[in-house]
C-alpha atoms as a PDB file:
ATOM      1  CA  MET A   1      -9.016 -38.005  15.327  1.00  0.00           C
ATOM      2  CA  LEU A   2      -8.800 -34.440  14.072  1.00  0.00           C
ATOM      3  CA  THR A   3      -8.031 -33.752  10.451  1.00  0.00           C
ATOM      4  CA  PRO A   4      -5.361 -31.145   9.718  1.00  0.00           C
ATOM      5  CA  SER A   5      -8.005 -28.599   8.709  1.00  0.00           C
ATOM      6  CA  SER A   6     -10.125 -29.195  11.830  1.00  0.00           C
ATOM      7  CA  ARG A   7      -6.964 -29.001  13.965  1.00  0.00           C
ATOM      8  CA  ALA A   8      -6.123 -25.648  12.350  1.00  0.00           C
ATOM      9  CA  ARG A   9      -9.672 -24.388  13.044  1.00  0.00           C
ATOM     10  CA  ALA A  10      -9.389 -25.518  16.657  1.00  0.00           C
ATOM     11  CA  LEU A  11      -6.064 -23.709  17.065  1.00  0.00           C
ATOM     12  CA  ARG A  12      -7.540 -20.508  15.616  1.00  0.00           C
ATOM     13  CA  LEU A  13     -10.502 -20.846  17.983  1.00  0.00           C
ATOM     14  CA  HIS A  14      -8.200 -21.247  21.007  1.00  0.00           C
ATOM     15  CA  ALA A  15      -6.194 -18.222  19.899  1.00  0.00           C
ATOM     16  CA  GLN A  16      -9.405 -16.183  19.581  1.00  0.00           C
ATOM     17  CA  VAL A  17     -10.537 -17.325  23.034  1.00  0.00           C
ATOM     18  CA  ALA A  18      -7.151 -16.275  24.434  1.00  0.00           C
ATOM     19  CA  LEU A  19      -7.443 -12.874  22.771  1.00  0.00           C
ATOM     20  CA  LEU A  20     -10.936 -12.320  24.217  1.00  0.00           C
ATOM     21  CA  CYS A  21      -9.778 -13.414  27.662  1.00  0.00           C
ATOM     22  CA  ALA A  22      -6.771 -11.117  27.486  1.00  0.00           C
ATOM     23  CA  ARG A  23      -8.949  -8.156  26.477  1.00  0.00           C
ATOM     24  CA  ALA A  24     -11.167  -8.886  29.474  1.00  0.00           C
ATOM     25  CA  GLY A  25      -8.113  -8.978  31.752  1.00  0.00           C
ATOM     26  CA  GLU A  26      -8.496 -12.716  32.327  1.00  0.00           C
ATOM     27  CA  HIS A  27      -4.839 -13.538  31.741  1.00  0.00           C
ATOM     28  CA  VAL A  28      -4.869 -16.924  33.469  1.00  0.00           C
ATOM     29  CA  GLN A  29      -7.720 -18.024  31.199  1.00  0.00           C
ATOM     30  CA  ALA A  30      -5.766 -16.725  28.198  1.00  0.00           C
ATOM     31  CA  LEU A  31      -2.724 -18.735  29.321  1.00  0.00           C
ATOM     32  CA  ARG A  32      -4.865 -21.859  29.675  1.00  0.00           C
ATOM     33  CA  ALA A  33      -6.351 -21.398  26.204  1.00  0.00           C
ATOM     34  CA  LEU A  34      -2.908 -20.983  24.646  1.00  0.00           C
ATOM     35  CA  ALA A  35      -0.778 -23.430  26.636  1.00  0.00           C
ATOM     36  CA  LEU A  36      -3.260 -26.170  27.495  1.00  0.00           C
ATOM     37  CA  ASP A  37      -5.948 -26.049  24.817  1.00  0.00           C
ATOM     38  CA  ALA A  38      -3.882 -24.931  21.815  1.00  0.00           C
ATOM     39  CA  ARG A  39      -0.688 -26.491  23.239  1.00  0.00           C
ATOM     40  CA  ASP A  40       1.270 -23.437  22.138  1.00  0.00           C
ATOM     41  CA  VAL A  41       3.654 -22.619  24.970  1.00  0.00           C
ATOM     42  CA  ARG A  42       5.521 -20.032  22.895  1.00  0.00           C
ATOM     43  CA  ALA A  43       2.270 -18.123  22.312  1.00  0.00           C
ATOM     44  CA  ALA A  44       1.553 -18.323  26.050  1.00  0.00           C
ATOM     45  CA  LEU A  45       5.002 -16.874  26.775  1.00  0.00           C
ATOM     46  CA  ALA A  46       4.376 -14.104  24.254  1.00  0.00           C
ATOM     47  CA  HIS A  47       1.090 -13.379  26.018  1.00  0.00           C
ATOM     48  CA  CYS A  48       2.946 -13.083  29.339  1.00  0.00           C
ATOM     49  CA  ALA A  49       5.268 -10.491  27.822  1.00  0.00           C
ATOM     50  CA  ASP A  50       2.456  -8.582  26.086  1.00  0.00           C
ATOM     51  CA  ALA A  51       0.236  -8.535  29.165  1.00  0.00           C
ATOM     52  CA  ALA A  52       3.100  -7.317  31.354  1.00  0.00           C
ATOM     53  CA  ALA A  53       3.826  -4.387  29.030  1.00  0.00           C
ATOM     54  CA  GLY A  54       7.507  -4.290  29.986  1.00  0.00           C
ATOM     55  CA  ASP A  55       7.020  -4.839  33.720  1.00  0.00           C
ATOM     56  CA  ARG A  56       9.288  -7.811  34.529  1.00  0.00           C
ATOM     57  CA  THR A  57       7.636  -8.347  37.912  1.00  0.00           C
ATOM     58  CA  VAL A  58       4.233  -8.810  36.280  1.00  0.00           C
ATOM     59  CA  GLU A  59       5.755 -10.931  33.527  1.00  0.00           C
ATOM     60  CA  ALA A  60       7.498 -13.152  36.091  1.00  0.00           C
ATOM     61  CA  ALA A  61       4.218 -13.629  37.958  1.00  0.00           C
ATOM     62  CA  LEU A  62       2.474 -14.626  34.728  1.00  0.00           C
ATOM     63  CA  VAL A  63       5.284 -17.001  33.721  1.00  0.00           C
ATOM     64  CA  LEU A  64       5.200 -18.645  37.151  1.00  0.00           C
ATOM     65  CA  ARG A  65       1.422 -19.005  36.811  1.00  0.00           C
ATOM     66  CA  LEU A  66       1.950 -20.531  33.359  1.00  0.00           C
ATOM     67  CA  ILE A  67       4.282 -23.121  34.910  1.00  0.00           C
ATOM     68  CA  ALA A  68       1.690 -23.887  37.581  1.00  0.00           C
ATOM     69  CA  GLU A  69      -1.030 -24.278  34.946  1.00  0.00           C
ATOM     70  CA  LEU A  70       1.121 -26.605  32.848  1.00  0.00           C
ATOM     71  CA  LEU A  71       1.948 -28.819  35.802  1.00  0.00           C
ATOM     72  CA  GLY A  72      -1.482 -28.636  37.390  1.00  0.00           C
ATOM     73  CA  ALA A  73      -3.127 -30.023  34.253  1.00  0.00           C
ATOM     74  CA  ALA A  74      -1.048 -33.218  34.329  1.00  0.00           C
ATOM     75  CA  PRO A  75      -1.356 -35.827  37.098  1.00  0.00           C
ATOM     76  CA  ALA A  76       1.909 -36.866  38.753  1.00  0.00           C
ATOM     77  CA  ALA A  77       3.620 -39.954  37.304  1.00  0.00           C
ATOM     78  CA  SER A  78       1.656 -39.816  34.058  1.00  0.00           C
ATOM     79  CA  PRO A  79       2.780 -39.491  30.422  1.00  0.00           C
ATOM     80  CA  GLU A  80       1.082 -36.094  30.396  1.00  0.00           C
ATOM     81  CA  ARG A  81       3.313 -35.020  33.285  1.00  0.00           C
ATOM     82  CA  SER A  82       6.400 -35.818  31.200  1.00  0.00           C
ATOM     83  CA  ALA A  83       5.028 -33.665  28.381  1.00  0.00           C
ATOM     84  CA  ALA A  84       4.266 -30.914  30.895  1.00  0.00           C
ATOM     85  CA  TRP A  85       7.884 -30.999  32.096  1.00  0.00           C
ATOM     86  CA  VAL A  86       9.085 -30.589  28.516  1.00  0.00           C
ATOM     87  CA  ALA A  87       6.856 -27.520  28.215  1.00  0.00           C
ATOM     88  CA  VAL A  88       8.049 -26.178  31.577  1.00  0.00           C
ATOM     89  CA  GLN A  89      11.652 -26.622  30.509  1.00  0.00           C
ATOM     90  CA  LEU A  90      10.935 -24.617  27.352  1.00  0.00           C
ATOM     91  CA  VAL A  91       9.391 -21.864  29.508  1.00  0.00           C
ATOM     92  CA  LEU A  92      12.394 -21.824  31.843  1.00  0.00           C
ATOM     93  CA  GLU A  93      14.895 -21.745  28.990  1.00  0.00           C
ATOM     94  CA  ALA A  94      13.054 -18.827  27.372  1.00  0.00           C
ATOM     95  CA  SER A  95      12.921 -16.910  30.670  1.00  0.00           C
ATOM     96  CA  ALA A  96      16.262 -17.912  32.165  1.00  0.00           C
ATOM     97  CA  GLU A  97      18.012 -14.555  31.816  1.00  0.00           C
ATOM     98  CA  TRP A  98      15.560 -12.621  33.955  1.00  0.00           C
ATOM     99  CA  LEU A  99      13.240 -14.960  35.876  1.00  0.00           C
ATOM    100  CA  PRO A 100      14.113 -14.992  39.616  1.00  0.00           C
ATOM    101  CA  ALA A 101      15.564 -18.414  40.381  1.00  0.00           C
ATOM    102  CA  GLN A 102      14.241 -18.494  43.937  1.00  0.00           C
ATOM    103  CA  SER A 103      10.704 -17.854  42.705  1.00  0.00           C
ATOM    104  CA  VAL A 104      11.022 -20.754  40.289  1.00  0.00           C
ATOM    105  CA  LEU A 105      12.326 -23.054  43.004  1.00  0.00           C
ATOM    106  CA  ASP A 106       9.410 -22.054  45.215  1.00  0.00           C
ATOM    107  CA  ALA A 107       6.936 -22.704  42.387  1.00  0.00           C
ATOM    108  CA  LEU A 108       8.234 -26.111  41.345  1.00  0.00           C
ATOM    109  CA  PRO A 109       6.667 -29.171  42.972  1.00  0.00           C
ATOM    110  CA  PRO A 110       8.758 -31.797  44.807  1.00  0.00           C
ATOM    111  CA  ASP A 111       8.715 -34.136  41.787  1.00  0.00           C
ATOM    112  CA  ALA A 112      10.522 -31.561  39.655  1.00  0.00           C
ATOM    113  CA  PRO A 113      13.349 -33.127  37.670  1.00  0.00           C
ATOM    114  CA  LEU A 114      16.660 -31.362  38.053  1.00  0.00           C
ATOM    115  CA  ALA A 115      16.911 -30.980  34.272  1.00  0.00           C
ATOM    116  CA  ALA A 116      13.907 -28.648  34.332  1.00  0.00           C
ATOM    117  CA  PHE A 117      15.815 -26.216  36.515  1.00  0.00           C
ATOM    118  CA  ALA A 118      19.311 -26.695  35.039  1.00  0.00           C
ATOM    119  CA  ALA A 119      19.013 -24.163  32.202  1.00  0.00           C
ATOM    120  CA  LEU A 120      17.653 -21.496  34.518  1.00  0.00           C
ATOM    121  CA  ALA A 121      20.298 -22.182  37.157  1.00  0.00           C
ATOM    122  CA  ALA A 122      23.129 -21.998  34.617  1.00  0.00           C
ATOM    123  CA  ALA A 123      21.831 -18.757  33.127  1.00  0.00           C
ATOM    124  CA  ARG A 124      21.305 -17.186  36.558  1.00  0.00           C
ATOM    125  CA  LEU A 125      24.815 -18.192  37.663  1.00  0.00           C
ATOM    126  CA  ARG A 126      26.259 -16.590  34.522  1.00  0.00           C
ATOM    127  CA  ALA A 127      24.185 -13.449  35.025  1.00  0.00           C
ATOM    128  CA  ASP A 128      25.085 -13.238  38.718  1.00  0.00           C
ATOM    129  CA  ALA A 129      28.795 -13.644  37.902  1.00  0.00           C
ATOM    130  CA  ALA A 130      28.537 -10.925  35.249  1.00  0.00           C
ATOM    131  CA  ASP A 131      26.727  -8.626  37.712  1.00  0.00           C
ATOM    132  CA  ALA A 132      29.418  -9.244  40.325  1.00  0.00           C
ATOM    133  CA  ARG A 133      32.172  -8.429  37.805  1.00  0.00           C
ATOM    134  CA  ALA A 134      30.354  -5.279  36.729  1.00  0.00           C
ATOM    135  CA  ALA A 135      29.996  -4.195  40.377  1.00  0.00           C
ATOM    136  CA  ARG A 136      33.731  -4.759  40.998  1.00  0.00           C
ATOM    137  CA  VAL A 137      34.648  -2.747  37.896  1.00  0.00           C
ATOM    138  CA  SER A 138      32.286   0.033  38.949  1.00  0.00           C
ATOM    139  CA  ARG A 139      33.805   0.177  42.450  1.00  0.00           C
ATOM    140  CA  ALA A 140      37.310   0.207  40.965  1.00  0.00           C
ATOM    141  CA  LEU A 141      36.408   3.077  38.633  1.00  0.00           C
ATOM    142  CA  GLU A 142      34.881   5.017  41.520  1.00  0.00           C
ATOM    143  CA  THR A 143      38.067   4.477  43.561  1.00  0.00           C
ATOM    144  CA  VAL A 144      40.267   5.637  40.690  1.00  0.00           C
ATOM    145  CA  SER A 145      38.046   8.651  40.093  1.00  0.00           C
ATOM    146  CA  TYR A 146      38.080   9.560  43.792  1.00  0.00           C
ATOM    147  CA  THR A 147      41.859   9.102  44.012  1.00  0.00           C
ATOM    148  CA  HIS A 148      42.363  11.218  40.892  1.00  0.00           C
ATOM    149  CA  LEU A 149      40.073  13.956  42.267  1.00  0.00           C
ATOM    150  CA  ARG A 150      41.892  13.971  45.635  1.00  0.00           C
ATOM    151  CA  ALA A 151      45.270  14.152  43.910  1.00  0.00           C
ATOM    152  CA  HIS A 152      44.050  17.035  41.743  1.00  0.00           C
ATOM    153  CA  GLU A 153      42.732  18.898  44.815  1.00  0.00           C
ATOM    154  CA  THR A 154      46.009  18.337  46.707  1.00  0.00           C
ATOM    155  CA  ARG A 155      48.055  19.842  43.845  1.00  0.00           C
ATOM    156  CA  HIS A 156      45.923  22.956  43.772  1.00  0.00           C
ATOM    157  CA  ASP A 157      45.963  23.589  47.525  1.00  0.00           C
END
């Protein structure tokens, strides 16, 4: 059993390994060091964002790889798998506003509990509804602007 001080040293070591891997462009290895070895999913998510440098497509690919790594490390129907699902749910909740839902569905294995996807689905539904409302408002404003312009042109003809 690790003492608190040896556990802290181990965590620092895993973080240093992740940093070296990231500098070498080995982002999957960095994710493994953070999420699996250090068991710090939040740090792994932060690495995804840092490595992507603002590119949501790259970040999504890294987050989906993180999910695969978390689930791949735990055999099906094991206590570790339950812990992995908790970590995956945390990842999905943190990424729900922007992570493509279809990509997540494609990445999840058949034994995925519905609860793991619920937060993402709810957030995506809200975002999609907001996008649809914004599109309707935009079209309405364009129609009003066009109508106003036509009326103004008709008066001056």
